[in-house]
mmCIF file of all heavy atoms, coordinates in Angstrom:
data_MODEL
# 
_entry.id   MODEL 
# 
loop_
_atom_site.group_PDB 
_atom_site.id 
_atom_site.type_symbol 
_atom_site.label_atom_id 
_atom_site.label_alt_id 
_atom_site.label_comp_id 
_atom_site.label_asym_id 
_atom_site.label_entity_id 
_atom_site.label_seq_id 
_atom_site.pdbx_PDB_ins_code 
_atom_site.Cartn_x 
_atom_site.Cartn_y 
_atom_site.Cartn_z 
_atom_site.occupancy 
_atom_site.B_iso_or_equiv 
_atom_site.pdbx_formal_charge 
_atom_site.auth_seq_id 
_atom_site.auth_comp_id 
_atom_site.auth_asym_id 
_atom_site.auth_atom_id 
_atom_site.pdbx_PDB_model_num 
ATOM 1   N N   . GLY A 1 1  ? -0.311 -1.484  -12.591 1.00 0.00 ? 1  GLY A N   1 
ATOM 2   C CA  . GLY A 1 1  ? 0.269  -0.576  -11.606 1.00 0.00 ? 1  GLY A CA  1 
ATOM 3   C C   . GLY A 1 1  ? -0.538 -0.337  -10.346 1.00 0.00 ? 1  GLY A C   1 
ATOM 4   O O   . GLY A 1 1  ? -0.192 0.541   -9.557  1.00 0.00 ? 1  GLY A O   1 
ATOM 5   N N   . LYS A 1 2  ? -1.581 -1.105  -10.095 1.00 0.00 ? 2  LYS A N   1 
ATOM 6   C CA  . LYS A 1 2  ? -2.428 -0.861  -8.928  1.00 0.00 ? 2  LYS A CA  1 
ATOM 7   C C   . LYS A 1 2  ? -1.640 -1.065  -7.627  1.00 0.00 ? 2  LYS A C   1 
ATOM 8   O O   . LYS A 1 2  ? -1.612 -0.190  -6.755  1.00 0.00 ? 2  LYS A O   1 
ATOM 9   C CB  . LYS A 1 2  ? -3.659 -1.786  -8.957  1.00 0.00 ? 2  LYS A CB  1 
ATOM 10  C CG  . LYS A 1 2  ? -4.544 -1.598  -10.185 1.00 0.00 ? 2  LYS A CG  1 
ATOM 11  C CD  . LYS A 1 2  ? -5.804 -2.426  -10.134 1.00 0.00 ? 2  LYS A CD  1 
ATOM 12  C CE  . LYS A 1 2  ? -5.506 -3.915  -10.146 1.00 0.00 ? 2  LYS A CE  1 
ATOM 13  N NZ  . LYS A 1 2  ? -4.857 -4.346  -11.408 1.00 0.00 ? 2  LYS A NZ  1 
ATOM 14  N N   . THR A 1 3  ? -1.010 -2.219  -7.502  1.00 0.00 ? 3  THR A N   1 
ATOM 15  C CA  . THR A 1 3  ? -0.228 -2.511  -6.298  1.00 0.00 ? 3  THR A CA  1 
ATOM 16  C C   . THR A 1 3  ? 0.998  -1.613  -6.219  1.00 0.00 ? 3  THR A C   1 
ATOM 17  O O   . THR A 1 3  ? 1.371  -1.145  -5.140  1.00 0.00 ? 3  THR A O   1 
ATOM 18  C CB  . THR A 1 3  ? 0.190  -3.996  -6.280  1.00 0.00 ? 3  THR A CB  1 
ATOM 19  O OG1 . THR A 1 3  ? -0.978 -4.827  -6.321  1.00 0.00 ? 3  THR A OG1 1 
ATOM 20  C CG2 . THR A 1 3  ? 0.990  -4.318  -5.016  1.00 0.00 ? 3  THR A CG2 1 
ATOM 21  N N   . THR A 1 4  ? 1.628  -1.354  -7.356  1.00 0.00 ? 4  THR A N   1 
ATOM 22  C CA  . THR A 1 4  ? 2.800  -0.479  -7.388  1.00 0.00 ? 4  THR A CA  1 
ATOM 23  C C   . THR A 1 4  ? 2.468  0.909   -6.863  1.00 0.00 ? 4  THR A C   1 
ATOM 24  O O   . THR A 1 4  ? 3.203  1.478   -6.053  1.00 0.00 ? 4  THR A O   1 
ATOM 25  C CB  . THR A 1 4  ? 3.345  -0.379  -8.825  1.00 0.00 ? 4  THR A CB  1 
ATOM 26  O OG1 . THR A 1 4  ? 3.819  -1.662  -9.235  1.00 0.00 ? 4  THR A OG1 1 
ATOM 27  C CG2 . THR A 1 4  ? 4.487  0.627   -8.904  1.00 0.00 ? 4  THR A CG2 1 
ATOM 28  N N   . LEU A 1 5  ? 1.360  1.463   -7.306  1.00 0.00 ? 5  LEU A N   1 
ATOM 29  C CA  . LEU A 1 5  ? 0.960  2.793   -6.860  1.00 0.00 ? 5  LEU A CA  1 
ATOM 30  C C   . LEU A 1 5  ? 0.664  2.793   -5.361  1.00 0.00 ? 5  LEU A C   1 
ATOM 31  O O   . LEU A 1 5  ? 0.994  3.757   -4.660  1.00 0.00 ? 5  LEU A O   1 
ATOM 32  C CB  . LEU A 1 5  ? -0.251 3.286   -7.647  1.00 0.00 ? 5  LEU A CB  1 
ATOM 33  C CG  . LEU A 1 5  ? -0.618 4.765   -7.451  1.00 0.00 ? 5  LEU A CG  1 
ATOM 34  C CD1 . LEU A 1 5  ? 0.560  5.672   -7.803  1.00 0.00 ? 5  LEU A CD1 1 
ATOM 35  C CD2 . LEU A 1 5  ? -1.845 5.124   -8.300  1.00 0.00 ? 5  LEU A CD2 1 
ATOM 36  N N   . ALA A 1 6  ? 0.064  1.708   -4.876  1.00 0.00 ? 6  ALA A N   1 
ATOM 37  C CA  . ALA A 1 6  ? -0.194 1.594   -3.435  1.00 0.00 ? 6  ALA A CA  1 
ATOM 38  C C   . ALA A 1 6  ? 1.118  1.606   -2.652  1.00 0.00 ? 6  ALA A C   1 
ATOM 39  O O   . ALA A 1 6  ? 1.216  2.235   -1.593  1.00 0.00 ? 6  ALA A O   1 
ATOM 40  C CB  . ALA A 1 6  ? -0.985 0.320   -3.147  1.00 0.00 ? 6  ALA A CB  1 
ATOM 41  N N   . LYS A 1 7  ? 2.130  0.920   -3.175  1.00 0.00 ? 7  LYS A N   1 
ATOM 42  C CA  . LYS A 1 7  ? 3.439  0.883   -2.490  1.00 0.00 ? 7  LYS A CA  1 
ATOM 43  C C   . LYS A 1 7  ? 4.139  2.234   -2.562  1.00 0.00 ? 7  LYS A C   1 
ATOM 44  O O   . LYS A 1 7  ? 4.866  2.617   -1.647  1.00 0.00 ? 7  LYS A O   1 
ATOM 45  C CB  . LYS A 1 7  ? 4.300  -0.221  -3.089  1.00 0.00 ? 7  LYS A CB  1 
ATOM 46  C CG  . LYS A 1 7  ? 3.778  -1.621  -2.761  1.00 0.00 ? 7  LYS A CG  1 
ATOM 47  C CD  . LYS A 1 7  ? 4.728  -2.728  -3.179  1.00 0.00 ? 7  LYS A CD  1 
ATOM 48  C CE  . LYS A 1 7  ? 4.193  -4.083  -2.724  1.00 0.00 ? 7  LYS A CE  1 
ATOM 49  N NZ  . LYS A 1 7  ? 5.110  -5.202  -2.994  1.00 0.00 ? 7  LYS A NZ  1 
ATOM 50  N N   . ILE A 1 8  ? 3.939  2.966   -3.654  1.00 0.00 ? 8  ILE A N   1 
ATOM 51  C CA  . ILE A 1 8  ? 4.478  4.323   -3.745  1.00 0.00 ? 8  ILE A CA  1 
ATOM 52  C C   . ILE A 1 8  ? 3.836  5.206   -2.688  1.00 0.00 ? 8  ILE A C   1 
ATOM 53  O O   . ILE A 1 8  ? 4.506  6.009   -2.032  1.00 0.00 ? 8  ILE A O   1 
ATOM 54  C CB  . ILE A 1 8  ? 4.259  4.895   -5.163  1.00 0.00 ? 8  ILE A CB  1 
ATOM 55  C CG1 . ILE A 1 8  ? 5.168  4.184   -6.159  1.00 0.00 ? 8  ILE A CG1 1 
ATOM 56  C CG2 . ILE A 1 8  ? 4.488  6.404   -5.189  1.00 0.00 ? 8  ILE A CG2 1 
ATOM 57  C CD1 . ILE A 1 8  ? 4.885  4.537   -7.614  1.00 0.00 ? 8  ILE A CD1 1 
ATOM 58  N N   . ILE A 1 9  ? 2.545  5.066   -2.515  1.00 0.00 ? 9  ILE A N   1 
ATOM 59  C CA  . ILE A 1 9  ? 1.833  5.803   -1.463  1.00 0.00 ? 9  ILE A CA  1 
ATOM 60  C C   . ILE A 1 9  ? 2.408  5.451   -0.098  1.00 0.00 ? 9  ILE A C   1 
ATOM 61  O O   . ILE A 1 9  ? 2.622  6.319   0.755   1.00 0.00 ? 9  ILE A O   1 
ATOM 62  C CB  . ILE A 1 9  ? 0.327  5.515   -1.533  1.00 0.00 ? 9  ILE A CB  1 
ATOM 63  C CG1 . ILE A 1 9  ? -0.267 6.108   -2.816  1.00 0.00 ? 9  ILE A CG1 1 
ATOM 64  C CG2 . ILE A 1 9  ? -0.393 6.065   -0.300  1.00 0.00 ? 9  ILE A CG2 1 
ATOM 65  C CD1 . ILE A 1 9  ? -1.691 5.646   -3.100  1.00 0.00 ? 9  ILE A CD1 1 
ATOM 66  N N   . ALA A 1 10 ? 2.697  4.168   0.100   1.00 0.00 ? 10 ALA A N   1 
ATOM 67  C CA  . ALA A 1 10 ? 3.280  3.716   1.371   1.00 0.00 ? 10 ALA A CA  1 
ATOM 68  C C   . ALA A 1 10 ? 4.618  4.390   1.628   1.00 0.00 ? 10 ALA A C   1 
ATOM 69  O O   . ALA A 1 10 ? 4.957  4.715   2.772   1.00 0.00 ? 10 ALA A O   1 
ATOM 70  C CB  . ALA A 1 10 ? 3.448  2.197   1.365   1.00 0.00 ? 10 ALA A CB  1 
ATOM 71  N N   . ASN A 1 11 ? 5.399  4.606   0.557   1.00 0.00 ? 11 ASN A N   1 
ATOM 72  C CA  . ASN A 1 11 ? 6.727  5.213   0.699   1.00 0.00 ? 11 ASN A CA  1 
ATOM 73  C C   . ASN A 1 11 ? 6.671  6.719   0.921   1.00 0.00 ? 11 ASN A C   1 
ATOM 74  O O   . ASN A 1 11 ? 7.635  7.308   1.420   1.00 0.00 ? 11 ASN A O   1 
ATOM 75  C CB  . ASN A 1 11 ? 7.577  4.932   -0.544  1.00 0.00 ? 11 ASN A CB  1 
ATOM 76  C CG  . ASN A 1 11 ? 7.921  3.464   -0.706  1.00 0.00 ? 11 ASN A CG  1 
ATOM 77  O OD1 . ASN A 1 11 ? 7.994  2.728   0.265   1.00 0.00 ? 11 ASN A OD1 1 
ATOM 78  N ND2 . ASN A 1 11 ? 8.117  3.023   -1.952  1.00 0.00 ? 11 ASN A ND2 1 
ATOM 79  N N   . THR A 1 12 ? 5.559  7.351   0.539   1.00 0.00 ? 12 THR A N   1 
ATOM 80  C CA  . THR A 1 12 ? 5.495  8.807   0.566   1.00 0.00 ? 12 THR A CA  1 
ATOM 81  C C   . THR A 1 12 ? 4.591  9.377   1.660   1.00 0.00 ? 12 THR A C   1 
ATOM 82  O O   . THR A 1 12 ? 4.720  10.541  2.016   1.00 0.00 ? 12 THR A O   1 
ATOM 83  C CB  . THR A 1 12 ? 5.013  9.349   -0.796  1.00 0.00 ? 12 THR A CB  1 
ATOM 84  O OG1 . THR A 1 12 ? 3.726  8.782   -1.107  1.00 0.00 ? 12 THR A OG1 1 
ATOM 85  C CG2 . THR A 1 12 ? 5.989  8.985   -1.902  1.00 0.00 ? 12 THR A CG2 1 
ATOM 86  N N   . THR A 1 13 ? 3.684  8.583   2.177   1.00 0.00 ? 13 THR A N   1 
ATOM 87  C CA  . THR A 1 13 ? 2.709  9.096   3.133   1.00 0.00 ? 13 THR A CA  1 
ATOM 88  C C   . THR A 1 13 ? 3.289  9.231   4.539   1.00 0.00 ? 13 THR A C   1 
ATOM 89  O O   . THR A 1 13 ? 4.209  8.514   4.938   1.00 0.00 ? 13 THR A O   1 
ATOM 90  C CB  . THR A 1 13 ? 1.457  8.182   3.179   1.00 0.00 ? 13 THR A CB  1 
ATOM 91  O OG1 . THR A 1 13 ? 0.478  8.766   4.046   1.00 0.00 ? 13 THR A OG1 1 
ATOM 92  C CG2 . THR A 1 13 ? 1.806  6.794   3.698   1.00 0.00 ? 13 THR A CG2 1 
ATOM 93  N N   . ASN A 1 14 ? 2.749  10.174  5.292   1.00 0.00 ? 14 ASN A N   1 
ATOM 94  C CA  . ASN A 1 14 ? 3.075  10.317  6.709   1.00 0.00 ? 14 ASN A CA  1 
ATOM 95  C C   . ASN A 1 14 ? 2.119  9.522   7.591   1.00 0.00 ? 14 ASN A C   1 
ATOM 96  O O   . ASN A 1 14 ? 2.293  9.478   8.811   1.00 0.00 ? 14 ASN A O   1 
ATOM 97  C CB  . ASN A 1 14 ? 3.034  11.792  7.111   1.00 0.00 ? 14 ASN A CB  1 
ATOM 98  C CG  . ASN A 1 14 ? 4.189  12.580  6.493   1.00 0.00 ? 14 ASN A CG  1 
ATOM 99  O OD1 . ASN A 1 14 ? 5.323  12.097  6.451   1.00 0.00 ? 14 ASN A OD1 1 
ATOM 100 N ND2 . ASN A 1 14 ? 3.908  13.778  6.013   1.00 0.00 ? 14 ASN A ND2 1 
ATOM 101 N N   . ASN A 1 15 ? 1.114  8.909   6.966   1.00 0.00 ? 15 ASN A N   1 
ATOM 102 C CA  . ASN A 1 15 ? 0.202  8.043   7.695   1.00 0.00 ? 15 ASN A CA  1 
ATOM 103 C C   . ASN A 1 15 ? 0.808  6.659   7.855   1.00 0.00 ? 15 ASN A C   1 
ATOM 104 O O   . ASN A 1 15 ? 1.771  6.291   7.170   1.00 0.00 ? 15 ASN A O   1 
ATOM 105 C CB  . ASN A 1 15 ? -1.128 7.934   6.954   1.00 0.00 ? 15 ASN A CB  1 
ATOM 106 C CG  . ASN A 1 15 ? -1.847 9.259   6.831   1.00 0.00 ? 15 ASN A CG  1 
ATOM 107 O OD1 . ASN A 1 15 ? -2.120 9.909   7.817   1.00 0.00 ? 15 ASN A OD1 1 
ATOM 108 N ND2 . ASN A 1 15 ? -2.150 9.667   5.601   1.00 0.00 ? 15 ASN A ND2 1 
ATOM 109 N N   . ASN A 1 16 ? 0.250  5.883   8.760   1.00 0.00 ? 16 ASN A N   1 
ATOM 110 C CA  . ASN A 1 16 ? 0.622  4.474   8.822   1.00 0.00 ? 16 ASN A CA  1 
ATOM 111 C C   . ASN A 1 16 ? 0.126  3.765   7.578   1.00 0.00 ? 16 ASN A C   1 
ATOM 112 O O   . ASN A 1 16 ? -0.907 4.149   7.008   1.00 0.00 ? 16 ASN A O   1 
ATOM 113 C CB  . ASN A 1 16 ? 0.013  3.815   10.060  1.00 0.00 ? 16 ASN A CB  1 
ATOM 114 C CG  . ASN A 1 16 ? 0.577  4.369   11.352  1.00 0.00 ? 16 ASN A CG  1 
ATOM 115 O OD1 . ASN A 1 16 ? 1.785  4.453   11.525  1.00 0.00 ? 16 ASN A OD1 1 
ATOM 116 N ND2 . ASN A 1 16 ? -0.294 4.783   12.264  1.00 0.00 ? 16 ASN A ND2 1 
ATOM 117 N N   . PHE A 1 17 ? 0.846  2.756   7.158   1.00 0.00 ? 17 PHE A N   1 
ATOM 118 C CA  . PHE A 1 17 ? 0.463  1.999   5.980   1.00 0.00 ? 17 PHE A CA  1 
ATOM 119 C C   . PHE A 1 17 ? 0.533  0.521   6.303   1.00 0.00 ? 17 PHE A C   1 
ATOM 120 O O   . PHE A 1 17 ? 1.560  0.014   6.762   1.00 0.00 ? 17 PHE A O   1 
ATOM 121 C CB  . PHE A 1 17 ? 1.378  2.320   4.800   1.00 0.00 ? 17 PHE A CB  1 
ATOM 122 C CG  . PHE A 1 17 ? 0.892  1.753   3.481   1.00 0.00 ? 17 PHE A CG  1 
ATOM 123 C CD1 . PHE A 1 17 ? 0.116  2.515   2.632   1.00 0.00 ? 17 PHE A CD1 1 
ATOM 124 C CD2 . PHE A 1 17 ? 1.201  0.462   3.104   1.00 0.00 ? 17 PHE A CD2 1 
ATOM 125 C CE1 . PHE A 1 17 ? -0.332 2.010   1.419   1.00 0.00 ? 17 PHE A CE1 1 
ATOM 126 C CE2 . PHE A 1 17 ? 0.757  -0.063  1.901   1.00 0.00 ? 17 PHE A CE2 1 
ATOM 127 C CZ  . PHE A 1 17 ? -0.011 0.718   1.052   1.00 0.00 ? 17 PHE A CZ  1 
ATOM 128 N N   . THR A 1 18 ? -0.573 -0.172  6.074   1.00 0.00 ? 18 THR A N   1 
ATOM 129 C CA  . THR A 1 18 ? -0.613 -1.605  6.320   1.00 0.00 ? 18 THR A CA  1 
ATOM 130 C C   . THR A 1 18 ? -1.439 -2.278  5.224   1.00 0.00 ? 18 THR A C   1 
ATOM 131 O O   . THR A 1 18 ? -2.198 -1.607  4.521   1.00 0.00 ? 18 THR A O   1 
ATOM 132 C CB  . THR A 1 18 ? -1.201 -1.908  7.717   1.00 0.00 ? 18 THR A CB  1 
ATOM 133 O OG1 . THR A 1 18 ? -1.064 -3.308  8.016   1.00 0.00 ? 18 THR A OG1 1 
ATOM 134 C CG2 . THR A 1 18 ? -2.671 -1.493  7.823   1.00 0.00 ? 18 THR A CG2 1 
ATOM 135 N N   . THR A 1 19 ? -1.276 -3.574  5.078   1.00 0.00 ? 19 THR A N   1 
ATOM 136 C CA  . THR A 1 19 ? -1.891 -4.272  3.950   1.00 0.00 ? 19 THR A CA  1 
ATOM 137 C C   . THR A 1 19 ? -2.646 -5.525  4.389   1.00 0.00 ? 19 THR A C   1 
ATOM 138 O O   . THR A 1 19 ? -2.377 -6.093  5.451   1.00 0.00 ? 19 THR A O   1 
ATOM 139 C CB  . THR A 1 19 ? -0.832 -4.691  2.908   1.00 0.00 ? 19 THR A CB  1 
ATOM 140 O OG1 . THR A 1 19 ? 0.042  -5.671  3.487   1.00 0.00 ? 19 THR A OG1 1 
ATOM 141 C CG2 . THR A 1 19 ? -0.019 -3.498  2.441   1.00 0.00 ? 19 THR A CG2 1 
ATOM 142 N N   . LEU A 1 20 ? -3.585 -5.918  3.530   1.00 0.00 ? 20 LEU A N   1 
ATOM 143 C CA  . LEU A 1 20 ? -4.288 -7.193  3.645   1.00 0.00 ? 20 LEU A CA  1 
ATOM 144 C C   . LEU A 1 20 ? -4.462 -7.760  2.246   1.00 0.00 ? 20 LEU A C   1 
ATOM 145 O O   . LEU A 1 20 ? -4.633 -7.007  1.290   1.00 0.00 ? 20 LEU A O   1 
ATOM 146 C CB  . LEU A 1 20 ? -5.675 -7.025  4.276   1.00 0.00 ? 20 LEU A CB  1 
ATOM 147 C CG  . LEU A 1 20 ? -5.804 -6.917  5.790   1.00 0.00 ? 20 LEU A CG  1 
ATOM 148 C CD1 . LEU A 1 20 ? -7.264 -6.647  6.162   1.00 0.00 ? 20 LEU A CD1 1 
ATOM 149 C CD2 . LEU A 1 20 ? -5.326 -8.177  6.485   1.00 0.00 ? 20 LEU A CD2 1 
ATOM 150 N N   . ASN A 1 21 ? -4.421 -9.076  2.142   1.00 0.00 ? 21 ASN A N   1 
ATOM 151 C CA  . ASN A 1 21 ? -4.780 -9.733  0.893   1.00 0.00 ? 21 ASN A CA  1 
ATOM 152 C C   . ASN A 1 21 ? -6.107 -10.438 1.106   1.00 0.00 ? 21 ASN A C   1 
ATOM 153 O O   . ASN A 1 21 ? -6.236 -11.284 1.986   1.00 0.00 ? 21 ASN A O   1 
ATOM 154 C CB  . ASN A 1 21 ? -3.705 -10.735 0.459   1.00 0.00 ? 21 ASN A CB  1 
ATOM 155 C CG  . ASN A 1 21 ? -3.969 -11.278 -0.950  1.00 0.00 ? 21 ASN A CG  1 
ATOM 156 O OD1 . ASN A 1 21 ? -5.021 -11.839 -1.232  1.00 0.00 ? 21 ASN A OD1 1 
ATOM 157 N ND2 . ASN A 1 21 ? -3.006 -11.082 -1.832  1.00 0.00 ? 21 ASN A ND2 1 
ATOM 158 N N   . ALA A 1 22 ? -7.101 -10.077 0.313   1.00 0.00 ? 22 ALA A N   1 
ATOM 159 C CA  . ALA A 1 22 ? -8.447 -10.595 0.506   1.00 0.00 ? 22 ALA A CA  1 
ATOM 160 C C   . ALA A 1 22 ? -8.543 -12.107 0.309   1.00 0.00 ? 22 ALA A C   1 
ATOM 161 O O   . ALA A 1 22 ? -9.466 -12.743 0.800   1.00 0.00 ? 22 ALA A O   1 
ATOM 162 C CB  . ALA A 1 22 ? -9.425 -9.879  -0.421  1.00 0.00 ? 22 ALA A CB  1 
ATOM 163 N N   . VAL A 1 23 ? -7.588 -12.674 -0.415  1.00 0.00 ? 23 VAL A N   1 
ATOM 164 C CA  . VAL A 1 23 ? -7.608 -14.119 -0.653  1.00 0.00 ? 23 VAL A CA  1 
ATOM 165 C C   . VAL A 1 23 ? -7.295 -14.893 0.618   1.00 0.00 ? 23 VAL A C   1 
ATOM 166 O O   . VAL A 1 23 ? -7.887 -15.940 0.893   1.00 0.00 ? 23 VAL A O   1 
ATOM 167 C CB  . VAL A 1 23 ? -6.614 -14.498 -1.769  1.00 0.00 ? 23 VAL A CB  1 
ATOM 168 C CG1 . VAL A 1 23 ? -6.564 -16.013 -1.959  1.00 0.00 ? 23 VAL A CG1 1 
ATOM 169 C CG2 . VAL A 1 23 ? -6.994 -13.831 -3.074  1.00 0.00 ? 23 VAL A CG2 1 
ATOM 170 N N   . THR A 1 24 ? -6.369 -14.373 1.410   1.00 0.00 ? 24 THR A N   1 
ATOM 171 C CA  . THR A 1 24 ? -5.876 -15.116 2.576   1.00 0.00 ? 24 THR A CA  1 
ATOM 172 C C   . THR A 1 24 ? -6.365 -14.553 3.918   1.00 0.00 ? 24 THR A C   1 
ATOM 173 O O   . THR A 1 24 ? -6.080 -15.127 4.962   1.00 0.00 ? 24 THR A O   1 
ATOM 174 C CB  . THR A 1 24 ? -4.338 -15.116 2.580   1.00 0.00 ? 24 THR A CB  1 
ATOM 175 O OG1 . THR A 1 24 ? -3.853 -13.763 2.573   1.00 0.00 ? 24 THR A OG1 1 
ATOM 176 C CG2 . THR A 1 24 ? -3.803 -15.850 1.353   1.00 0.00 ? 24 THR A CG2 1 
# 
């Protein structure tokens, strides 16, 4: 659930939300 929880935060936060994948 690590990524899932991050996406839930993205849906609920009033802050900007952006992502990076360390592999790429």
